[in-house]
Protein backbone atom coordinates (compact mmCIF):
# COMPACT_ATOMS: atom_id res chain seq x y z
CA MET A 1 62.47 66.91 7.35
CA ALA A 2 60.26 64.13 7.21
CA THR A 3 59.42 62.86 4.12
CA GLY A 4 56.13 61.34 2.53
CA ALA A 5 57.20 57.50 2.79
CA ASP A 6 57.99 58.40 6.39
CA VAL A 7 55.06 59.81 7.95
CA ARG A 8 53.39 56.74 5.67
CA ASP A 9 55.25 54.74 7.81
CA ILE A 10 54.68 56.26 11.00
CA LEU A 11 50.92 56.26 10.10
CA GLU A 12 50.72 52.27 9.21
CA LEU A 13 49.82 53.42 5.46
CA GLY A 14 50.49 51.57 2.57
CA GLY A 15 52.69 52.65 -0.21
CA THR A 16 51.06 53.74 -3.70
CA ASP A 17 52.62 54.84 -6.84
CA ASN A 18 53.58 58.53 -6.40
CA ASP A 19 55.41 58.93 -3.35
CA GLY A 20 54.89 62.51 -3.53
CA PRO A 21 54.07 64.40 -0.73
CA ILE A 22 51.13 63.56 1.97
CA SER A 23 47.73 65.48 1.40
CA LYS A 24 44.78 66.41 3.98
CA LYS A 25 42.90 63.67 2.59
CA ASP A 26 45.34 60.88 3.45
CA LEU A 27 45.57 61.91 7.02
CA ILE A 28 42.09 62.81 7.48
CA ASN A 29 40.73 58.84 6.00
CA SER A 30 43.97 56.78 7.65
CA ASP A 31 41.35 55.32 10.17
CA LYS A 32 38.98 54.37 7.38
CA LYS A 33 41.77 52.45 5.02
CA LYS A 34 42.75 50.95 8.25
CA SER A 35 39.23 48.91 9.25
CA LYS A 36 38.77 48.35 5.47
CA LYS A 37 42.15 46.49 5.65
CA ALA A 38 41.01 45.01 8.98
CA THR A 39 38.17 43.49 7.42
CA GLU A 40 39.81 42.13 4.42
CA THR A 41 42.06 40.25 6.40
CA LEU A 42 39.47 38.95 8.71
CA THR A 43 38.41 36.00 6.47
CA PHE A 44 37.31 32.41 8.08
CA LYS A 45 37.61 29.75 5.84
CA ARG A 46 35.26 26.73 6.82
CA PRO A 47 37.74 23.67 7.33
CA GLU A 48 37.43 20.90 5.48
CA GLY A 49 35.25 18.08 6.61
CA MET A 50 33.13 20.58 8.19
CA HIS A 51 29.20 20.34 7.14
CA ARG A 52 28.23 23.68 5.90
CA GLU A 53 25.27 24.18 8.70
CA VAL A 54 27.68 23.62 11.17
CA TYR A 55 29.97 26.05 9.90
CA ALA A 56 27.03 28.58 9.68
CA LEU A 57 26.45 27.65 13.68
CA LEU A 58 29.92 29.73 14.15
CA TYR A 59 30.13 32.60 12.16
CA SER A 60 27.34 34.61 10.79
CA ASP A 61 27.36 36.53 7.19
CA LYS A 62 29.44 39.18 8.55
CA LYS A 63 31.75 37.02 10.43
CA ASP A 64 30.70 37.88 13.50
CA ALA A 65 31.01 35.32 16.97
CA PRO A 66 28.08 32.58 17.98
CA PRO A 67 25.73 34.54 20.33
CA LEU A 68 26.02 33.17 24.21
CA LEU A 69 21.78 33.07 24.40
CA PRO A 70 19.65 32.05 21.90
CA SER A 71 17.68 35.45 20.34
CA ASP A 72 15.05 35.45 17.90
CA THR A 73 14.32 38.90 15.82
CA THR A 74 11.87 37.33 13.72
CA GLN A 75 8.22 39.36 13.05
CA GLY A 76 6.64 36.11 13.80
CA TYR A 77 3.50 34.87 16.79
CA ARG A 78 6.63 35.10 19.18
CA THR A 79 6.80 38.92 19.16
CA VAL A 80 2.89 39.76 19.03
CA LYS A 81 1.90 40.98 22.33
CA ALA A 82 -1.22 40.27 24.12
CA LYS A 83 -3.92 42.83 23.09
CA LEU A 84 -5.49 44.17 26.43
CA GLY A 85 -9.09 45.39 26.22
CA CYS A 86 -10.42 48.18 28.34
CA LYS A 87 -13.49 45.49 29.56
CA LYS A 88 -13.89 44.88 33.34
CA VAL A 89 -12.07 41.04 34.23
CA ARG A 90 -14.39 38.39 35.15
CA PRO A 91 -14.12 37.09 38.27
CA TRP A 92 -13.93 33.46 39.07
CA LYS A 93 -15.20 31.76 42.08
CA TRP A 94 -14.06 28.85 43.79
CA MET A 95 -17.30 26.71 43.68
CA PRO A 96 -18.45 22.80 44.46
CA PHE A 97 -19.58 20.77 41.42
CA THR A 98 -21.16 17.48 41.20
CA ASN A 99 -20.74 15.09 38.35
CA PRO A 100 -24.14 13.31 36.91
CA ALA A 101 -22.09 10.33 35.44
CA ARG A 102 -21.26 9.34 39.13
CA LYS A 103 -24.12 7.92 41.38
CA ASP A 104 -22.48 8.10 44.90
CA GLY A 105 -23.34 11.60 44.98
CA ALA A 106 -19.56 13.05 45.40
CA ILE A 107 -18.87 16.58 45.30
CA PHE A 108 -16.20 18.17 43.74
CA HIS A 109 -14.75 22.00 43.61
CA HIS A 110 -12.99 23.67 41.20
CA TRP A 111 -12.79 27.52 39.71
CA ARG A 112 -15.65 28.45 37.97
CA ARG A 113 -16.48 32.00 36.54
CA MET A 114 -19.44 33.81 38.51
CA ALA A 115 -21.63 33.80 35.45
CA GLU A 116 -21.30 29.87 35.11
CA GLU A 117 -22.69 29.00 38.45
CA GLY A 118 -25.27 26.51 38.47
CA LYS A 119 -24.67 25.29 35.41
CA ASP A 120 -24.08 21.73 34.52
CA TYR A 121 -21.17 19.76 34.71
CA PRO A 122 -19.86 20.53 30.72
CA PHE A 123 -18.01 17.55 30.64
CA ALA A 124 -21.13 15.02 31.41
CA ARG A 125 -22.58 15.23 27.93
CA PHE A 126 -19.27 12.59 27.09
CA ASN A 127 -21.01 10.48 29.73
CA LYS A 128 -22.02 7.41 27.21
CA THR A 129 -23.43 4.09 28.39
CA VAL A 130 -24.57 1.21 26.40
CA GLN A 131 -28.12 0.29 26.69
CA VAL A 132 -28.71 -3.35 28.35
CA PRO A 133 -31.66 -4.82 27.55
CA VAL A 134 -33.79 -5.82 30.48
CA TYR A 135 -36.12 -8.59 30.32
CA SER A 136 -38.90 -9.49 32.98
CA GLU A 137 -39.47 -13.16 34.94
CA GLN A 138 -42.21 -14.01 32.48
CA GLU A 139 -40.32 -13.46 29.22
CA TYR A 140 -37.24 -15.73 31.06
CA GLN A 141 -39.52 -18.53 31.73
CA MET A 142 -41.48 -18.65 28.03
CA HIS A 143 -37.94 -17.42 26.03
CA LEU A 144 -34.71 -17.21 27.34
CA HIS A 145 -34.37 -20.70 29.88
CA ASP A 146 -31.40 -22.35 28.50
CA ASP A 147 -30.06 -26.02 30.77
CA GLY A 148 -26.76 -24.31 30.81
CA TRP A 149 -27.79 -21.71 32.50
CA THR A 150 -29.41 -20.20 35.37
CA LYS A 151 -31.43 -17.75 36.12
CA GLY A 152 -28.87 -16.18 39.14
CA GLU A 153 -26.13 -16.71 37.02
CA THR A 154 -27.57 -14.58 33.94
CA ASP A 155 -28.63 -11.43 35.84
CA HIS A 156 -25.29 -11.78 37.59
CA LEU A 157 -23.63 -11.63 33.64
CA PHE A 158 -26.48 -8.99 32.83
CA ASP A 159 -25.80 -7.11 36.07
CA LEU A 160 -21.70 -7.16 34.76
CA CYS A 161 -22.33 -6.14 31.18
CA LYS A 162 -24.15 -2.89 32.46
CA ARG A 163 -21.90 -2.21 35.28
CA PHE A 164 -18.59 -2.43 32.58
CA ASP A 165 -20.19 -1.58 29.02
CA LEU A 166 -19.74 -5.07 27.58
CA ARG A 167 -15.95 -5.16 28.18
CA PHE A 168 -15.67 -8.79 27.91
CA VAL A 169 -12.49 -8.85 29.04
CA VAL A 170 -13.19 -7.05 32.13
CA ILE A 171 -16.32 -8.81 32.78
CA HIS A 172 -14.58 -12.64 32.84
CA ASP A 173 -12.01 -11.03 34.88
CA ARG A 174 -14.69 -9.70 37.77
CA TYR A 175 -16.96 -13.03 36.96
CA ASP A 176 -18.21 -14.00 40.69
CA TYR A 177 -16.63 -17.91 40.05
CA GLN A 178 -16.66 -19.01 43.48
CA GLN A 179 -20.87 -19.18 43.37
CA TYR A 180 -21.60 -20.21 39.45
CA ARG A 181 -18.89 -21.73 37.60
CA LYS A 182 -16.13 -21.10 35.15
CA ARG A 183 -17.02 -19.55 31.97
CA SER A 184 -14.67 -18.22 29.14
CA ILE A 185 -15.28 -14.96 27.22
CA GLU A 186 -16.76 -16.63 24.24
CA ASP A 187 -19.67 -18.57 26.35
CA LEU A 188 -20.10 -15.04 27.96
CA LYS A 189 -20.70 -13.36 24.74
CA GLU A 190 -22.61 -16.13 23.26
CA ARG A 191 -25.15 -16.14 26.28
CA TYR A 192 -25.34 -12.35 26.22
CA TYR A 193 -25.80 -12.01 22.37
CA ASN A 194 -28.67 -15.06 21.99
CA ILE A 195 -30.27 -13.18 24.71
CA CYS A 196 -30.43 -9.66 23.19
CA GLY A 197 -31.64 -11.21 19.78
CA LYS A 198 -34.37 -13.33 20.93
CA LEU A 199 -35.69 -10.31 23.19
CA THR A 200 -35.31 -8.37 19.61
CA LYS A 201 -37.15 -10.95 18.22
CA ILE A 202 -40.07 -10.85 20.71
CA ARG A 203 -40.36 -6.84 21.11
CA ALA A 204 -40.42 -6.33 17.35
CA ALA A 205 -43.62 -5.39 15.89
CA SER A 206 -45.18 -7.90 13.69
CA GLY A 207 -44.55 -7.64 10.06
CA THR A 208 -41.25 -6.17 10.65
CA GLU A 209 -37.60 -8.23 10.74
CA PRO A 210 -35.31 -7.17 12.74
CA LYS A 211 -31.75 -6.72 12.39
CA ILE A 212 -30.54 -9.76 14.68
CA TYR A 213 -26.51 -10.13 15.62
CA ILE A 214 -25.54 -13.53 15.61
CA PHE A 215 -21.95 -14.25 17.54
CA ASP A 216 -20.18 -17.16 16.23
CA ALA A 217 -18.29 -18.43 19.50
CA GLY A 218 -16.69 -21.41 17.56
CA HIS A 219 -15.45 -19.01 14.95
CA GLU A 220 -13.92 -17.03 17.57
CA ARG A 221 -12.48 -20.08 20.04
CA ARG A 222 -11.13 -21.35 16.38
CA ARG A 223 -9.40 -17.61 15.09
CA LYS A 224 -7.77 -17.58 19.12
CA GLU A 225 -6.24 -21.11 18.72
CA GLN A 226 -5.46 -20.16 15.32
CA LEU A 227 -3.74 -16.87 16.69
CA GLU A 228 -1.93 -19.32 19.69
CA LYS A 229 -0.78 -22.00 17.13
CA LEU A 230 1.15 -18.70 15.25
CA PHE A 231 2.32 -16.85 18.24
CA ASN A 232 3.92 -20.42 19.55
CA ARG A 233 5.80 -20.81 16.48
CA THR A 234 9.50 -21.65 16.66
CA PRO A 235 12.27 -20.18 14.02
CA GLU A 236 12.45 -22.87 11.93
CA GLN A 237 8.97 -23.02 11.33
CA VAL A 238 8.86 -19.32 10.26
CA ALA A 239 11.88 -19.85 7.78
CA GLU A 240 10.45 -22.88 6.25
CA GLU A 241 6.78 -21.26 5.67
CA GLU A 242 8.58 -18.19 4.08
CA TYR A 243 10.68 -20.51 1.85
CA LEU A 244 7.36 -22.21 1.11
CA ILE A 245 6.36 -18.88 -0.05
CA GLN A 246 9.45 -17.92 -2.29
CA GLU A 247 7.98 -21.28 -3.69
CA LEU A 248 4.74 -20.38 -4.54
CA ARG A 249 5.27 -17.49 -5.86
CA LYS A 250 7.99 -18.48 -8.66
CA ILE A 251 5.53 -21.14 -9.41
CA GLU A 252 3.11 -18.47 -9.89
CA ASN A 253 5.34 -16.57 -12.26
CA ARG A 254 5.89 -19.84 -13.78
CA LYS A 255 2.48 -20.15 -14.37
CA LYS A 256 2.18 -16.86 -15.56
CA GLU A 257 5.05 -16.82 -18.41
CA ARG A 258 3.44 -20.40 -19.63
CA GLU A 259 -0.24 -18.03 -19.86
CA LYS A 260 1.50 -15.49 -22.13
CA LYS A 261 3.45 -17.87 -24.52
CA ALA A 262 -0.01 -19.91 -24.89
CA GLN A 263 -1.60 -16.55 -25.76
CA ASP A 264 1.32 -15.33 -28.11
CA LEU A 265 1.08 -18.84 -29.86
CA GLN A 266 -2.64 -18.61 -30.17
CA LYS A 267 -2.11 -14.86 -31.79
CA LEU A 268 -0.08 -16.16 -34.36
CA ILE A 269 -2.18 -19.31 -35.06
CA LYS A 270 -5.26 -16.89 -35.45
CA ALA A 271 -3.32 -14.88 -37.74
CA ALA A 272 -1.64 -17.71 -39.62
CA ASP A 273 -5.48 -18.98 -40.05
CA THR A 274 -6.21 -14.98 -41.42
CA THR A 275 -3.67 -15.35 -43.79
CA THR A 276 -4.47 -18.44 -45.56
CA GLU A 277 -8.32 -17.79 -45.69
CA LEU A 278 -7.19 -14.55 -47.29
CA ARG A 279 -5.36 -16.04 -49.55
CA ARG A 280 -7.87 -18.54 -51.01
CA ALA A 281 -10.20 -16.15 -51.12
CA GLU A 282 -7.71 -13.96 -53.31
CA LYS A 283 -7.05 -17.83 -55.51
CA ARG A 284 -10.84 -17.76 -56.10
CA VAL A 285 -11.50 -14.09 -57.25
CA SER A 286 -8.38 -14.43 -59.74
CA LYS A 287 -9.66 -18.08 -61.41
CA LYS A 288 -13.36 -16.22 -61.76
CA LYS A 289 -12.21 -13.39 -63.33
CA LEU A 290 -9.44 -15.45 -65.44
CA PRO A 291 -10.95 -16.62 -69.08
CA GLN A 292 -11.66 -19.93 -69.67
CA LYS A 293 -9.69 -21.83 -72.31
CA ARG A 294 -10.12 -24.22 -74.96
CA ASP A 295 -9.62 -27.59 -73.92
CA THR A 296 -7.83 -28.41 -77.33
CA GLU A 297 -5.38 -25.47 -76.70
CA LYS A 298 -3.60 -27.37 -73.48
CA PRO A 299 -3.73 -31.04 -72.75
CA ALA A 300 -5.01 -32.47 -69.61
CA VAL A 301 -2.05 -33.07 -67.69
CA PRO A 302 -2.57 -36.18 -65.22
CA GLU A 303 -3.57 -36.12 -61.62
CA THR A 304 -0.59 -37.09 -59.13
CA ALA A 305 -2.68 -38.31 -56.96
CA GLY A 306 -1.42 -35.37 -54.28
CA ILE A 307 2.47 -36.17 -54.89
CA LYS A 308 4.47 -33.26 -56.15
CA PHE A 309 7.84 -34.63 -58.28
CA PRO A 310 10.18 -32.29 -58.07
CA ASP A 311 11.88 -29.47 -61.25
CA PHE A 312 14.75 -29.85 -62.50
CA LYS A 313 16.08 -26.59 -63.37
CA SER A 314 19.85 -27.37 -63.24
CA ALA A 315 21.92 -26.37 -66.33
CA GLY A 316 22.97 -29.34 -68.51
CA VAL A 317 22.02 -33.26 -69.72
CA THR A 318 19.33 -34.95 -67.58
CA LEU A 319 17.71 -38.26 -67.48
CA ARG A 320 13.79 -38.50 -68.04
CA SER A 321 14.06 -41.39 -65.54
CA GLN A 322 15.26 -38.61 -62.64
CA ARG A 323 11.68 -37.31 -63.33
CA MET A 324 10.62 -40.83 -61.71
CA LYS A 325 11.97 -40.58 -58.67
CA LEU A 326 9.38 -40.10 -55.71
CA PRO A 327 10.21 -37.00 -53.39
CA SER A 328 11.47 -37.61 -49.83
CA SER A 329 8.11 -36.17 -48.85
CA VAL A 330 6.35 -39.47 -49.84
CA GLY A 331 6.02 -41.75 -47.09
CA GLN A 332 7.64 -45.62 -46.85
CA LYS A 333 3.73 -46.85 -46.78
CA LYS A 334 2.92 -44.87 -49.73
CA ILE A 335 6.00 -45.81 -51.67
CA LYS A 336 4.87 -49.36 -51.07
CA ALA A 337 1.20 -49.40 -52.15
CA ILE A 338 3.02 -47.22 -55.69
CA GLU A 339 5.52 -50.27 -56.15
CA GLN A 340 2.71 -52.89 -55.37
CA ILE A 341 0.60 -51.23 -58.17
CA LEU A 342 3.58 -50.95 -60.57
CA ALA A 343 4.05 -54.87 -60.52
CA GLU A 344 0.95 -55.84 -60.60
CA GLN A 345 0.33 -53.93 -63.73
CA GLY A 346 3.79 -55.38 -65.19
CA VAL A 347 5.22 -51.87 -65.44
CA GLY A 348 9.40 -52.99 -64.61
CA GLU A 349 12.09 -50.00 -63.97
CA TYR A 350 14.42 -49.25 -66.84
CA GLU A 351 18.03 -49.28 -65.92
C-alpha cells in the first residue's frame, strides 16, 4: 500500500514535517501550490550595468513579457470619443472667391459652408500695406527738388517703395540701373526719408511741430563698414582681442582693489581722528573738574621745549648725568643747536 510520501512524490508536492496520511485538502489544493511555487521561482533580476528604465521596458511589475504593439490604457484625451449631436450636418460647397489684396482679378475656388456664401475672403484683413506719400508737380518743384536726383528717378523710387512695402533690399535689387545711375541702399533710404520729412513739415498745421524721421546715411555706412571689418578678422586678430579684453579686466579688478584699500585706509584715519578728538575732550573736561592747587605746594617744572627725557625705572644705582643724554627721537639739527647754545653759555660736559 502506498504511503503519504509516495503520493506526494507522484503529485510533486513538497514534503512536510508530519509525513502522515494524505488528507483531502492536500489533493484539492495541489494545483494552487504548484502555481505558487512556479511564481516564486520566476524571479527576474536586473542585470548589472542595465539602467532601471531599460529594464522596466523589458518586464513589468507582474513579470509579463513586453507588448509587441504600443498600448495606452490611461483615461485621457486619447480615449475620449467624438460627441455627435442630433443636429443636421451643415452643407459645404465648392465655390469661387476673389482676394481683395490682388489687383489682377484672379478667381480661385475652395470649399466653404453654404451659409458663408457671398461673404468676403476672411484672410483679406491681414493684407497690410504701407502708406507711401504722394506729391504733386508743384510740391516737387518748390520743396523737393534736388540736383543729384531727377523727377523721373524720384518717381521710380517711390513706385518701387509702394510696390514692395519699403523693403529696401528688394527695392535695391529691382532698381532700374540701366536707365538711372547706380545707387546704394543708403542713398535710396536717404532720398525717400528726406522727401517724407519735407512733406510732413509742409502739410502740417500751423503752430504744430510734427515728428519727422531723420535717416543718418553716414552713420549707416560707417556701421556697415565696421561690421564688414569685424566679419573679415583673422584668427590671430580675434585671439589678440580676447587677450586684450582679459588684460583690461585684470586692470579693472586691480583698480577696484586699490580703491577699496584706499577707502579702508580713509576709514581707519577717520576713526583715529575721532578717537584723538574724544581723548582731548576728555582731558579738557578732567582738567576743569580738578581743583587748582597752590603754587607753593608744587614747584614749577621747567619746560623742556618739547624734548621728553627717558625715565630710568631700573633698579640699582644710576648716575644723574645719564638723564642729561638726549633721547634718540631728537634730530641731528636740534642736537647741534643745543650744543652750540651750551658752548656759548660756557656750560661744559662733566666726565
